[in-house]
Amino acid sequence: MSERNGAVRAMIRQLQDAFNQTLDALYDLPEGYLQQPCGHSCARGGSARDLLVHNVFHEKQHTGQVWNIRDELRLLQGWGNATSCACCRAGATRDWIRSLSTTTSRVRS
C-alpha cells in the first residue's frame, strides 16, 4: 500500500469512528427529546427529529455528488475497470436503497 493510500485509509477510519460515535449518541436519545421543538433553521420550524431527517437527506445529497463524479470519471462498477459485485447483480443494493426511502418517509410523518 502506498503512503498516500495509507493516509487516505487512516482518514476514512477516523471518519468512520466519528460517525459511529455520533450514531451511538443518537441511539440513546429518548423519544421525547426527538419530539421537542428545534430552533435550528434546517429543522424548518419542526422538531429535533425533523433536523435529523434533514441531515440524513443532506448527506445522501453529498453521496450522490460523489457518485456523479465517479460516474463522470468512469470509476463506477460496470465501466470495465471494476466488476459488479454479487449483491449488486442480485439487486440487494437497490432493495436496500428502497428500504431506506420508505423508512425515512415513515420517520418524517
PDB file of N, CA and C in Angstrom:
ATOM      1  N   MET A   1       0.861  -1.172   0.000  1.00  0.00           N
ATOM      2  CA  MET A   1       0.000   0.000   0.000  1.00  0.00           C
ATOM      3  C   MET A   1       0.905   1.232   0.000  1.00  0.00           C
ATOM      4  N   SER A   2       0.589   2.189  -0.841  1.00  0.00           N
ATOM      5  CA  SER A   2       1.391   3.404  -0.908  1.00  0.00           C
ATOM      6  C   SER A   2       1.142   4.276   0.314  1.00  0.00           C
ATOM      7  N   GLU A   3       2.046   5.236   0.530  1.00  0.00           N
ATOM      8  CA  GLU A   3       1.900   6.145   1.669  1.00  0.00           C
ATOM      9  C   GLU A   3       0.610   6.939   1.556  1.00  0.00           C
ATOM     10  N   ARG A   4       0.259   7.357   0.332  1.00  0.00           N
ATOM     11  CA  ARG A   4      -0.972   8.132   0.126  1.00  0.00           C
ATOM     12  C   ARG A   4      -2.199   7.297   0.476  1.00  0.00           C
ATOM     13  N   ASN A   5      -2.229   6.066  -0.014  1.00  0.00           N
ATOM     14  CA  ASN A   5      -3.371   5.194   0.291  1.00  0.00           C
ATOM     15  C   ASN A   5      -3.482   4.942   1.782  1.00  0.00           C
ATOM     16  N   GLY A   6      -2.348   4.798   2.461  1.00  0.00           N
ATOM     17  CA  GLY A   6      -2.361   4.597   3.898  1.00  0.00           C
ATOM     18  C   GLY A   6      -2.939   5.800   4.624  1.00  0.00           C
ATOM     19  N   ALA A   7      -2.595   7.004   4.163  1.00  0.00           N
ATOM     20  CA  ALA A   7      -3.123   8.226   4.773  1.00  0.00           C
ATOM     21  C   ALA A   7      -4.619   8.350   4.521  1.00  0.00           C
ATOM     22  N   VAL A   8      -5.049   8.011   3.313  1.00  0.00           N
ATOM     23  CA  VAL A   8      -6.479   8.061   2.987  1.00  0.00           C
ATOM     24  C   VAL A   8      -7.233   7.045   3.826  1.00  0.00           C
ATOM     25  N   ARG A   9      -6.686   5.856   3.940  1.00  0.00           N
ATOM     26  CA  ARG A   9      -7.320   4.803   4.734  1.00  0.00           C
ATOM     27  C   ARG A   9      -7.442   5.238   6.199  1.00  0.00           C
ATOM     28  N   ALA A  10      -6.397   5.866   6.741  1.00  0.00           N
ATOM     29  CA  ALA A  10      -6.432   6.338   8.128  1.00  0.00           C
ATOM     30  C   ALA A  10      -7.499   7.417   8.299  1.00  0.00           C
ATOM     31  N   MET A  11      -7.622   8.312   7.315  1.00  0.00           N
ATOM     32  CA  MET A  11      -8.623   9.370   7.388  1.00  0.00           C
ATOM     33  C   MET A  11     -10.033   8.781   7.333  1.00  0.00           C
ATOM     34  N   ILE A  12     -10.229   7.800   6.481  1.00  0.00           N
ATOM     35  CA  ILE A  12     -11.544   7.156   6.367  1.00  0.00           C
ATOM     36  C   ILE A  12     -11.894   6.466   7.684  1.00  0.00           C
ATOM     37  N   ARG A  13     -10.941   5.789   8.286  1.00  0.00           N
ATOM     38  CA  ARG A  13     -11.196   5.126   9.571  1.00  0.00           C
ATOM     39  C   ARG A  13     -11.538   6.150  10.656  1.00  0.00           C
ATOM     40  N   GLN A  14     -10.866   7.303  10.624  1.00  0.00           N
ATOM     41  CA  GLN A  14     -11.169   8.363  11.579  1.00  0.00           C
ATOM     42  C   GLN A  14     -12.604   8.859  11.399  1.00  0.00           C
ATOM     43  N   LEU A  15     -13.007   9.041  10.153  1.00  0.00           N
ATOM     44  CA  LEU A  15     -14.374   9.471   9.857  1.00  0.00           C
ATOM     45  C   LEU A  15     -15.386   8.420  10.301  1.00  0.00           C
ATOM     46  N   GLN A  16     -15.074   7.155  10.041  1.00  0.00           N
ATOM     47  CA  GLN A  16     -15.968   6.079  10.461  1.00  0.00           C
ATOM     48  C   GLN A  16     -16.124   6.056  11.974  1.00  0.00           C
ATOM     49  N   ASP A  17     -15.019   6.221  12.695  1.00  0.00           N
ATOM     50  CA  ASP A  17     -15.084   6.226  14.161  1.00  0.00           C
ATOM     51  C   ASP A  17     -15.938   7.381  14.665  1.00  0.00           C
ATOM     52  N   ALA A  18     -15.751   8.571  14.082  1.00  0.00           N
ATOM     53  CA  ALA A  18     -16.532   9.737  14.492  1.00  0.00           C
ATOM     54  C   ALA A  18     -18.011   9.524  14.177  1.00  0.00           C
ATOM     55  N   PHE A  19     -18.292   8.958  13.016  1.00  0.00           N
ATOM     56  CA  PHE A  19     -19.668   8.690  12.617  1.00  0.00           C
ATOM     57  C   PHE A  19     -20.315   7.696  13.589  1.00  0.00           C
ATOM     58  N   ASN A  20     -19.575   6.646  13.951  1.00  0.00           N
ATOM     59  CA  ASN A  20     -20.111   5.648  14.876  1.00  0.00           C
ATOM     60  C   ASN A  20     -20.351   6.243  16.263  1.00  0.00           C
ATOM     61  N   GLN A  21     -19.492   7.144  16.716  1.00  0.00           N
ATOM     62  CA  GLN A  21     -19.711   7.809  17.998  1.00  0.00           C
ATOM     63  C   GLN A  21     -21.002   8.630  17.952  1.00  0.00           C
ATOM     64  N   THR A  22     -21.223   9.310  16.837  1.00  0.00           N
ATOM     65  CA  THR A  22     -22.448  10.102  16.684  1.00  0.00           C
ATOM     66  C   THR A  22     -23.672   9.199  16.698  1.00  0.00           C
ATOM     67  N   LEU A  23     -23.611   8.093  15.965  1.00  0.00           N
ATOM     68  CA  LEU A  23     -24.738   7.160  15.944  1.00  0.00           C
ATOM     69  C   LEU A  23     -25.013   6.594  17.333  1.00  0.00           C
ATOM     70  N   ASP A  24     -23.968   6.271  18.071  1.00  0.00           N
ATOM     71  CA  ASP A  24     -24.166   5.748  19.424  1.00  0.00           C
ATOM     72  C   ASP A  24     -24.913   6.761  20.287  1.00  0.00           C
ATOM     73  N   ALA A  25     -24.561   8.044  20.147  1.00  0.00           N
ATOM     74  CA  ALA A  25     -25.257   9.084  20.915  1.00  0.00           C
ATOM     75  C   ALA A  25     -26.713   9.199  20.478  1.00  0.00           C
ATOM     76  N   LEU A  26     -26.965   9.097  19.169  1.00  0.00           N
ATOM     77  CA  LEU A  26     -28.337   9.204  18.661  1.00  0.00           C
ATOM     78  C   LEU A  26     -29.196   8.032  19.109  1.00  0.00           C
ATOM     79  N   TYR A  27     -28.628   6.841  19.152  1.00  0.00           N
ATOM     80  CA  TYR A  27     -29.384   5.659  19.575  1.00  0.00           C
ATOM     81  C   TYR A  27     -29.922   5.817  20.988  1.00  0.00           C
ATOM     82  N   ASP A  28     -29.178   6.542  21.821  1.00  0.00           N
ATOM     83  CA  ASP A  28     -29.549   6.680  23.230  1.00  0.00           C
ATOM     84  C   ASP A  28     -30.520   7.826  23.501  1.00  0.00           C
ATOM     85  N   LEU A  29     -30.881   8.604  22.475  1.00  0.00           N
ATOM     86  CA  LEU A  29     -31.802   9.720  22.696  1.00  0.00           C
ATOM     87  C   LEU A  29     -33.202   9.205  23.012  1.00  0.00           C
ATOM     88  N   PRO A  30     -33.823   9.740  24.055  1.00  0.00           N
ATOM     89  CA  PRO A  30     -35.200   9.329  24.354  1.00  0.00           C
ATOM     90  C   PRO A  30     -36.166   9.891  23.310  1.00  0.00           C
ATOM     91  N   GLU A  31     -37.237   9.177  23.065  1.00  0.00           N
ATOM     92  CA  GLU A  31     -38.231   9.576  22.061  1.00  0.00           C
ATOM     93  C   GLU A  31     -38.763  10.979  22.329  1.00  0.00           C
ATOM     94  N   GLY A  32     -38.970  11.309  23.600  1.00  0.00           N
ATOM     95  CA  GLY A  32     -39.480  12.631  23.943  1.00  0.00           C
ATOM     96  C   GLY A  32     -38.569  13.753  23.496  1.00  0.00           C
ATOM     97  N   TYR A  33     -37.269  13.501  23.537  1.00  0.00           N
ATOM     98  CA  TYR A  33     -36.311  14.520  23.094  1.00  0.00           C
ATOM     99  C   TYR A  33     -36.465  14.791  21.603  1.00  0.00           C
ATOM    100  N   LEU A  34     -36.675  13.735  20.842  1.00  0.00           N
ATOM    101  CA  LEU A  34     -36.802  13.887  19.392  1.00  0.00           C
ATOM    102  C   LEU A  34     -38.049  14.673  18.999  1.00  0.00           C
ATOM    103  N   GLN A  35     -39.057  14.686  19.873  1.00  0.00           N
ATOM    104  CA  GLN A  35     -40.303  15.401  19.585  1.00  0.00           C
ATOM    105  C   GLN A  35     -40.251  16.878  19.991  1.00  0.00           C
ATOM    106  N   GLN A  36     -39.208  17.279  20.714  1.00  0.00           N
ATOM    107  CA  GLN A  36     -39.102  18.665  21.177  1.00  0.00           C
ATOM    108  C   GLN A  36     -38.893  19.617  19.993  1.00  0.00           C
ATOM    109  N   PRO A  37     -39.444  20.822  20.090  1.00  0.00           N
ATOM    110  CA  PRO A  37     -39.217  21.822  19.040  1.00  0.00           C
ATOM    111  C   PRO A  37     -37.724  22.113  18.893  1.00  0.00           C
ATOM    112  N   CYS A  38     -37.317  22.372  17.670  1.00  0.00           N
ATOM    113  CA  CYS A  38     -35.910  22.644  17.387  1.00  0.00           C
ATOM    114  C   CYS A  38     -35.802  24.004  16.706  1.00  0.00           C
ATOM    115  N   GLY A  39     -34.939  24.854  17.231  1.00  0.00           N
ATOM    116  CA  GLY A  39     -34.779  26.193  16.689  1.00  0.00           C
ATOM    117  C   GLY A  39     -33.818  26.291  15.516  1.00  0.00           C
ATOM    118  N   HIS A  40     -33.147  25.206  15.177  1.00  0.00           N
ATOM    119  CA  HIS A  40     -32.203  25.241  14.057  1.00  0.00           C
ATOM    120  C   HIS A  40     -32.969  25.460  12.762  1.00  0.00           C
ATOM    121  N   SER A  41     -32.462  26.328  11.906  1.00  0.00           N
ATOM    122  CA  SER A  41     -33.193  26.658  10.673  1.00  0.00           C
ATOM    123  C   SER A  41     -33.411  25.450   9.768  1.00  0.00           C
ATOM    124  N   CYS A  42     -32.511  24.484   9.815  1.00  0.00           N
ATOM    125  CA  CYS A  42     -32.671  23.296   8.960  1.00  0.00           C
ATOM    126  C   CYS A  42     -33.814  22.395   9.420  1.00  0.00           C
ATOM    127  N   ALA A  43     -34.282  22.569  10.656  1.00  0.00           N
ATOM    128  CA  ALA A  43     -35.437  21.799  11.140  1.00  0.00           C
ATOM    129  C   ALA A  43     -36.727  22.397  10.575  1.00  0.00           C
ATOM    130  N   ARG A  44     -36.631  23.583  10.005  1.00  0.00           N
ATOM    131  CA  ARG A  44     -37.756  24.277   9.360  1.00  0.00           C
ATOM    132  C   ARG A  44     -38.976  24.394  10.277  1.00  0.00           C
ATOM    133  N   GLY A  45     -38.696  24.817  11.515  1.00  0.00           N
ATOM    134  CA  GLY A  45     -39.785  25.016  12.454  1.00  0.00           C
ATOM    135  C   GLY A  45     -40.302  23.742  13.086  1.00  0.00           C
ATOM    136  N   GLY A  46     -39.627  22.645  12.855  1.00  0.00           N
ATOM    137  CA  GLY A  46     -40.097  21.361  13.361  1.00  0.00           C
ATOM    138  C   GLY A  46     -39.359  20.917  14.611  1.00  0.00           C
ATOM    139  N   SER A  47     -39.240  19.625  14.739  1.00  0.00           N
ATOM    140  CA  SER A  47     -38.670  19.008  15.933  1.00  0.00           C
ATOM    141  C   SER A  47     -37.212  18.602  15.700  1.00  0.00           C
ATOM    142  N   ALA A  48     -36.607  18.073  16.765  1.00  0.00           N
ATOM    143  CA  ALA A  48     -35.250  17.548  16.656  1.00  0.00           C
ATOM    144  C   ALA A  48     -35.218  16.406  15.634  1.00  0.00           C
ATOM    145  N   ARG A  49     -36.286  15.609  15.575  1.00  0.00           N
ATOM    146  CA  ARG A  49     -36.366  14.539  14.578  1.00  0.00           C
ATOM    147  C   ARG A  49     -36.332  15.112  13.156  1.00  0.00           C
ATOM    148  N   ASP A  50     -37.031  16.222  12.942  1.00  0.00           N
ATOM    149  CA  ASP A  50     -37.016  16.857  11.617  1.00  0.00           C
ATOM    150  C   ASP A  50     -35.609  17.288  11.230  1.00  0.00           C
ATOM    151  N   LEU A  51     -34.843  17.786  12.206  1.00  0.00           N
ATOM    152  CA  LEU A  51     -33.464  18.181  11.928  1.00  0.00           C
ATOM    153  C   LEU A  51     -32.625  16.973  11.548  1.00  0.00           C
ATOM    154  N   LEU A  52     -32.801  15.865  12.277  1.00  0.00           N
ATOM    155  CA  LEU A  52     -32.058  14.650  11.947  1.00  0.00           C
ATOM    156  C   LEU A  52     -32.410  14.140  10.551  1.00  0.00           C
ATOM    157  N   VAL A  53     -33.684  14.154  10.213  1.00  0.00           N
ATOM    158  CA  VAL A  53     -34.116  13.699   8.889  1.00  0.00           C
ATOM    159  C   VAL A  53     -33.516  14.597   7.809  1.00  0.00           C
ATOM    160  N   HIS A  54     -33.526  15.901   8.049  1.00  0.00           N
ATOM    161  CA  HIS A  54     -32.918  16.839   7.095  1.00  0.00           C
ATOM    162  C   HIS A  54     -31.443  16.495   6.886  1.00  0.00           C
ATOM    163  N   ASN A  55     -30.746  16.212   7.988  1.00  0.00           N
ATOM    164  CA  ASN A  55     -29.319  15.906   7.883  1.00  0.00           C
ATOM    165  C   ASN A  55     -29.068  14.608   7.124  1.00  0.00           C
ATOM    166  N   VAL A  56     -29.944  13.617   7.305  1.00  0.00           N
ATOM    167  CA  VAL A  56     -29.812  12.365   6.556  1.00  0.00           C
ATOM    168  C   VAL A  56     -29.928  12.640   5.060  1.00  0.00           C
ATOM    169  N   PHE A  57     -30.937  13.414   4.675  1.00  0.00           N
ATOM    170  CA  PHE A  57     -31.110  13.716   3.254  1.00  0.00           C
ATOM    171  C   PHE A  57     -29.960  14.571   2.715  1.00  0.00           C
ATOM    172  N   HIS A  58     -29.442  15.448   3.554  1.00  0.00           N
ATOM    173  CA  HIS A  58     -28.317  16.285   3.142  1.00  0.00           C
ATOM    174  C   HIS A  58     -27.092  15.411   2.846  1.00  0.00           C
ATOM    175  N   GLU A  59     -26.834  14.436   3.710  1.00  0.00           N
ATOM    176  CA  GLU A  59     -25.707  13.529   3.493  1.00  0.00           C
ATOM    177  C   GLU A  59     -25.932  12.661   2.256  1.00  0.00           C
ATOM    178  N   LYS A  60     -27.177  12.253   2.027  1.00  0.00           N
ATOM    179  CA  LYS A  60     -27.474  11.483   0.811  1.00  0.00           C
ATOM    180  C   LYS A  60     -27.183  12.323  -0.431  1.00  0.00           C
ATOM    181  N   GLN A  61     -27.454  13.629  -0.343  1.00  0.00           N
ATOM    182  CA  GLN A  61     -27.163  14.521  -1.471  1.00  0.00           C
ATOM    183  C   GLN A  61     -25.659  14.545  -1.747  1.00  0.00           C
ATOM    184  N   HIS A  62     -24.848  14.649  -0.689  1.00  0.00           N
ATOM    185  CA  HIS A  62     -23.400  14.651  -0.881  1.00  0.00           C
ATOM    186  C   HIS A  62     -22.922  13.327  -1.467  1.00  0.00           C
ATOM    187  N   THR A  63     -23.508  12.228  -1.005  1.00  0.00           N
ATOM    188  CA  THR A  63     -23.143  10.919  -1.545  1.00  0.00           C
ATOM    189  C   THR A  63     -23.465  10.865  -3.034  1.00  0.00           C
ATOM    190  N   GLY A  64     -24.603  11.412  -3.421  1.00  0.00           N
ATOM    191  CA  GLY A  64     -24.973  11.467  -4.834  1.00  0.00           C
ATOM    192  C   GLY A  64     -23.983  12.264  -5.648  1.00  0.00           C
ATOM    193  N   GLN A  65     -23.463  13.338  -5.070  1.00  0.00           N
ATOM    194  CA  GLN A  65     -22.464  14.142  -5.772  1.00  0.00           C
ATOM    195  C   GLN A  65     -21.195  13.331  -6.008  1.00  0.00           C
ATOM    196  N   VAL A  66     -20.789  12.543  -5.008  1.00  0.00           N
ATOM    197  CA  VAL A  66     -19.608  11.699  -5.161  1.00  0.00           C
ATOM    198  C   VAL A  66     -19.852  10.655  -6.236  1.00  0.00           C
ATOM    199  N   TRP A  67     -21.032  10.012  -6.206  1.00  0.00           N
ATOM    200  CA  TRP A  67     -21.352   9.016  -7.237  1.00  0.00           C
ATOM    201  C   TRP A  67     -21.321   9.649  -8.619  1.00  0.00           C
ATOM    202  N   ASN A  68     -21.855  10.867  -8.751  1.00  0.00           N
ATOM    203  CA  ASN A  68     -21.880  11.543 -10.038  1.00  0.00           C
ATOM    204  C   ASN A  68     -20.459  11.779 -10.558  1.00  0.00           C
ATOM    205  N   ILE A  69     -19.575  12.246  -9.693  1.00  0.00           N
ATOM    206  CA  ILE A  69     -18.189  12.492 -10.110  1.00  0.00           C
ATOM    207  C   ILE A  69     -17.517  11.182 -10.485  1.00  0.00           C
ATOM    208  N   ARG A  70     -17.725  10.143  -9.682  1.00  0.00           N
ATOM    209  CA  ARG A  70     -17.135   8.841 -10.018  1.00  0.00           C
ATOM    210  C   ARG A  70     -17.667   8.340 -11.361  1.00  0.00           C
ATOM    211  N   ASP A  71     -18.937   8.583 -11.635  1.00  0.00           N
ATOM    212  CA  ASP A  71     -19.513   8.182 -12.913  1.00  0.00           C
ATOM    213  C   ASP A  71     -18.865   8.958 -14.054  1.00  0.00           C
ATOM    214  N   GLU A  72     -18.715  10.266 -13.889  1.00  0.00           N
ATOM    215  CA  GLU A  72     -18.089  11.079 -14.929  1.00  0.00           C
ATOM    216  C   GLU A  72     -16.650  10.650 -15.191  1.00  0.00           C
ATOM    217  N   LEU A  73     -15.960  10.182 -14.170  1.00  0.00           N
ATOM    218  CA  LEU A  73     -14.587   9.701 -14.316  1.00  0.00           C
ATOM    219  C   LEU A  73     -14.530   8.239 -14.742  1.00  0.00           C
ATOM    220  N   ARG A  74     -15.709   7.650 -14.936  1.00  0.00           N
ATOM    221  CA  ARG A  74     -15.839   6.243 -15.317  1.00  0.00           C
ATOM    222  C   ARG A  74     -15.178   5.320 -14.298  1.00  0.00           C
ATOM    223  N   LEU A  75     -15.398   5.632 -13.011  1.00  0.00           N
ATOM    224  CA  LEU A  75     -14.835   4.832 -11.924  1.00  0.00           C
ATOM    225  C   LEU A  75     -15.873   3.974 -11.220  1.00  0.00           C
ATOM    226  N   LEU A  76     -17.112   4.031 -11.676  1.00  0.00           N
ATOM    227  CA  LEU A  76     -18.149   3.196 -11.072  1.00  0.00           C
ATOM    228  C   LEU A  76     -18.038   1.772 -11.584  1.00  0.00           C
ATOM    229  N   GLN A  77     -18.570   0.846 -10.807  1.00  0.00           N
ATOM    230  CA  GLN A  77     -18.597  -0.538 -11.255  1.00  0.00           C
ATOM    231  C   GLN A  77     -19.370  -0.620 -12.558  1.00  0.00           C
ATOM    232  N   GLY A  78     -18.888  -1.465 -13.434  1.00  0.00           N
ATOM    233  CA  GLY A  78     -19.574  -1.659 -14.699  1.00  0.00           C
ATOM    234  C   GLY A  78     -18.943  -0.907 -15.858  1.00  0.00           C
ATOM    235  N   TRP A  79     -17.969  -0.029 -15.584  1.00  0.00           N
ATOM    236  CA  TRP A  79     -17.303   0.706 -16.657  1.00  0.00           C
ATOM    237  C   TRP A  79     -16.160  -0.103 -17.252  1.00  0.00           C
ATOM    238  N   GLY A  80     -15.968  -1.325 -16.803  1.00  0.00           N
ATOM    239  CA  GLY A  80     -14.909  -2.158 -17.354  1.00  0.00           C
ATOM    240  C   GLY A  80     -13.663  -2.181 -16.485  1.00  0.00           C
ATOM    241  N   ASN A  81     -13.456  -1.149 -15.676  1.00  0.00           N
ATOM    242  CA  ASN A  81     -12.294  -1.145 -14.794  1.00  0.00           C
ATOM    243  C   ASN A  81     -12.652  -1.651 -13.407  1.00  0.00           C
ATOM    244  N   ALA A  82     -13.907  -1.985 -13.193  1.00  0.00           N
ATOM    245  CA  ALA A  82     -14.352  -2.553 -11.918  1.00  0.00           C
ATOM    246  C   ALA A  82     -15.500  -3.507 -12.217  1.00  0.00           C
ATOM    247  N   THR A  83     -15.520  -4.600 -11.531  1.00  0.00           N
ATOM    248  CA  THR A  83     -16.577  -5.575 -11.779  1.00  0.00           C
ATOM    249  C   THR A  83     -17.714  -5.386 -10.798  1.00  0.00           C
ATOM    250  N   SER A  84     -18.881  -5.716 -11.214  1.00  0.00           N
ATOM    251  CA  SER A  84     -20.054  -5.609 -10.353  1.00  0.00           C
ATOM    252  C   SER A  84     -20.005  -6.703  -9.304  1.00  0.00           C
ATOM    253  N   CYS A  85     -20.315  -6.342  -8.065  1.00  0.00           N
ATOM    254  CA  CYS A  85     -20.286  -7.348  -7.006  1.00  0.00           C
ATOM    255  C   CYS A  85     -21.578  -8.170  -7.038  1.00  0.00           C
ATOM    256  N   ALA A  86     -21.552  -9.297  -6.367  1.00  0.00           N
ATOM    257  CA  ALA A  86     -22.688 -10.224  -6.387  1.00  0.00           C
ATOM    258  C   ALA A  86     -23.954  -9.593  -5.820  1.00  0.00           C
ATOM    259  N   CYS A  87     -23.824  -8.785  -4.738  1.00  0.00           N
ATOM    260  CA  CYS A  87     -25.036  -8.198  -4.156  1.00  0.00           C
ATOM    261  C   CYS A  87     -25.669  -7.193  -5.118  1.00  0.00           C
ATOM    262  N   CYS A  88     -24.856  -6.488  -5.912  1.00  0.00           N
ATOM    263  CA  CYS A  88     -25.422  -5.541  -6.881  1.00  0.00           C
ATOM    264  C   CYS A  88     -26.125  -6.297  -8.000  1.00  0.00           C
ATOM    265  N   ARG A  89     -25.517  -7.383  -8.449  1.00  0.00           N
ATOM    266  CA  ARG A  89     -26.149  -8.174  -9.509  1.00  0.00           C
ATOM    267  C   ARG A  89     -27.464  -8.760  -9.027  1.00  0.00           C
ATOM    268  N   ALA A  90     -27.549  -9.058  -7.730  1.00  0.00           N
ATOM    269  CA  ALA A  90     -28.769  -9.653  -7.173  1.00  0.00           C
ATOM    270  C   ALA A  90     -29.809  -8.597  -6.815  1.00  0.00           C
ATOM    271  N   GLY A  91     -29.458  -7.325  -6.931  1.00  0.00           N
ATOM    272  CA  GLY A  91     -30.410  -6.256  -6.635  1.00  0.00           C
ATOM    273  C   GLY A  91     -30.466  -5.878  -5.168  1.00  0.00           C
ATOM    274  N   ALA A  92     -29.519  -6.372  -4.372  1.00  0.00           N
ATOM    275  CA  ALA A  92     -29.545  -6.091  -2.932  1.00  0.00           C
ATOM    276  C   ALA A  92     -29.372  -4.597  -2.656  1.00  0.00           C
ATOM    277  N   THR A  93     -28.503  -3.939  -3.396  1.00  0.00           N
ATOM    278  CA  THR A  93     -28.280  -2.509  -3.175  1.00  0.00           C
ATOM    279  C   THR A  93     -29.544  -1.728  -3.493  1.00  0.00           C
ATOM    280  N   ARG A  94     -30.185  -2.043  -4.602  1.00  0.00           N
ATOM    281  CA  ARG A  94     -31.426  -1.366  -4.983  1.00  0.00           C
ATOM    282  C   ARG A  94     -32.486  -1.559  -3.906  1.00  0.00           C
ATOM    283  N   ASP A  95     -32.623  -2.792  -3.413  1.00  0.00           N
ATOM    284  CA  ASP A  95     -33.610  -3.081  -2.380  1.00  0.00           C
ATOM    285  C   ASP A  95     -33.300  -2.335  -1.091  1.00  0.00           C
ATOM    286  N   TRP A  96     -32.009  -2.240  -0.752  1.00  0.00           N
ATOM    287  CA  TRP A  96     -31.615  -1.533   0.456  1.00  0.00           C
ATOM    288  C   TRP A  96     -31.948  -0.042   0.335  1.00  0.00           C
ATOM    289  N   ILE A  97     -31.677   0.553  -0.817  1.00  0.00           N
ATOM    290  CA  ILE A  97     -31.981   1.969  -1.026  1.00  0.00           C
ATOM    291  C   ILE A  97     -33.483   2.197  -0.929  1.00  0.00           C
ATOM    292  N   ARG A  98     -34.271   1.313  -1.507  1.00  0.00           N
ATOM    293  CA  ARG A  98     -35.733   1.434  -1.413  1.00  0.00           C
ATOM    294  C   ARG A  98     -36.192   1.344   0.032  1.00  0.00           C
ATOM    295  N   SER A  99     -35.595   0.435   0.815  1.00  0.00           N
ATOM    296  CA  SER A  99     -36.000   0.308   2.213  1.00  0.00           C
ATOM    297  C   SER A  99     -35.644   1.561   2.995  1.00  0.00           C
ATOM    298  N   LEU A 100     -34.523   2.207   2.655  1.00  0.00           N
ATOM    299  CA  LEU A 100     -34.154   3.450   3.324  1.00  0.00           C
ATOM    300  C   LEU A 100     -35.176   4.538   3.047  1.00  0.00           C
ATOM    301  N   SER A 101     -35.606   4.646   1.802  1.00  0.00           N
ATOM    302  CA  SER A 101     -36.548   5.716   1.473  1.00  0.00           C
ATOM    303  C   SER A 101     -37.894   5.497   2.152  1.00  0.00           C
ATOM    304  N   THR A 102     -38.335   4.256   2.283  1.00  0.00           N
ATOM    305  CA  THR A 102     -39.612   4.031   2.965  1.00  0.00           C
ATOM    306  C   THR A 102     -39.457   4.227   4.467  1.00  0.00           C
ATOM    307  N   THR A 103     -38.309   3.847   5.031  1.00  0.00           N
ATOM    308  CA  THR A 103     -38.064   4.063   6.452  1.00  0.00           C
ATOM    309  C   THR A 103     -38.022   5.544   6.755  1.00  0.00           C
ATOM    310  N   THR A 104     -37.323   6.300   5.922  1.00  0.00           N
ATOM    311  CA  THR A 104     -37.196   7.730   6.138  1.00  0.00           C
ATOM    312  C   THR A 104     -38.539   8.419   5.972  1.00  0.00           C
ATOM    313  N   SER A 105     -39.365   7.956   5.042  1.00  0.00           N
ATOM    314  CA  SER A 105     -40.694   8.545   4.866  1.00  0.00           C
ATOM    315  C   SER A 105     -41.539   8.338   6.116  1.00  0.00           C
ATOM    316  N   ARG A 106     -41.428   7.149   6.727  1.00  0.00           N
ATOM    317  CA  ARG A 106     -42.186   6.880   7.949  1.00  0.00           C
ATOM    318  C   ARG A 106     -41.693   7.756   9.096  1.00  0.00           C
ATOM    319  N   VAL A 107     -40.380   8.023   9.138  1.00  0.00           N
ATOM    320  CA  VAL A 107     -39.833   8.864  10.197  1.00  0.00           C
ATOM    321  C   VAL A 107     -40.332  10.283  10.068  1.00  0.00           C
ATOM    322  N   ARG A 108     -40.462  10.775   8.831  1.00  0.00           N
ATOM    323  CA  ARG A 108     -40.886  12.147   8.593  1.00  0.00           C
ATOM    324  C   ARG A 108     -42.352  12.375   8.916  1.00  0.00           C
ATOM    325  N   SER A 109     -43.183  11.341   8.812  1.00  0.00           N
ATOM    326  CA  SER A 109     -44.614  11.531   9.048  1.00  0.00           C
ATOM    327  C   SER A 109     -44.985  11.403  10.499  1.00  0.00           C
TER     328      SER A 109
END
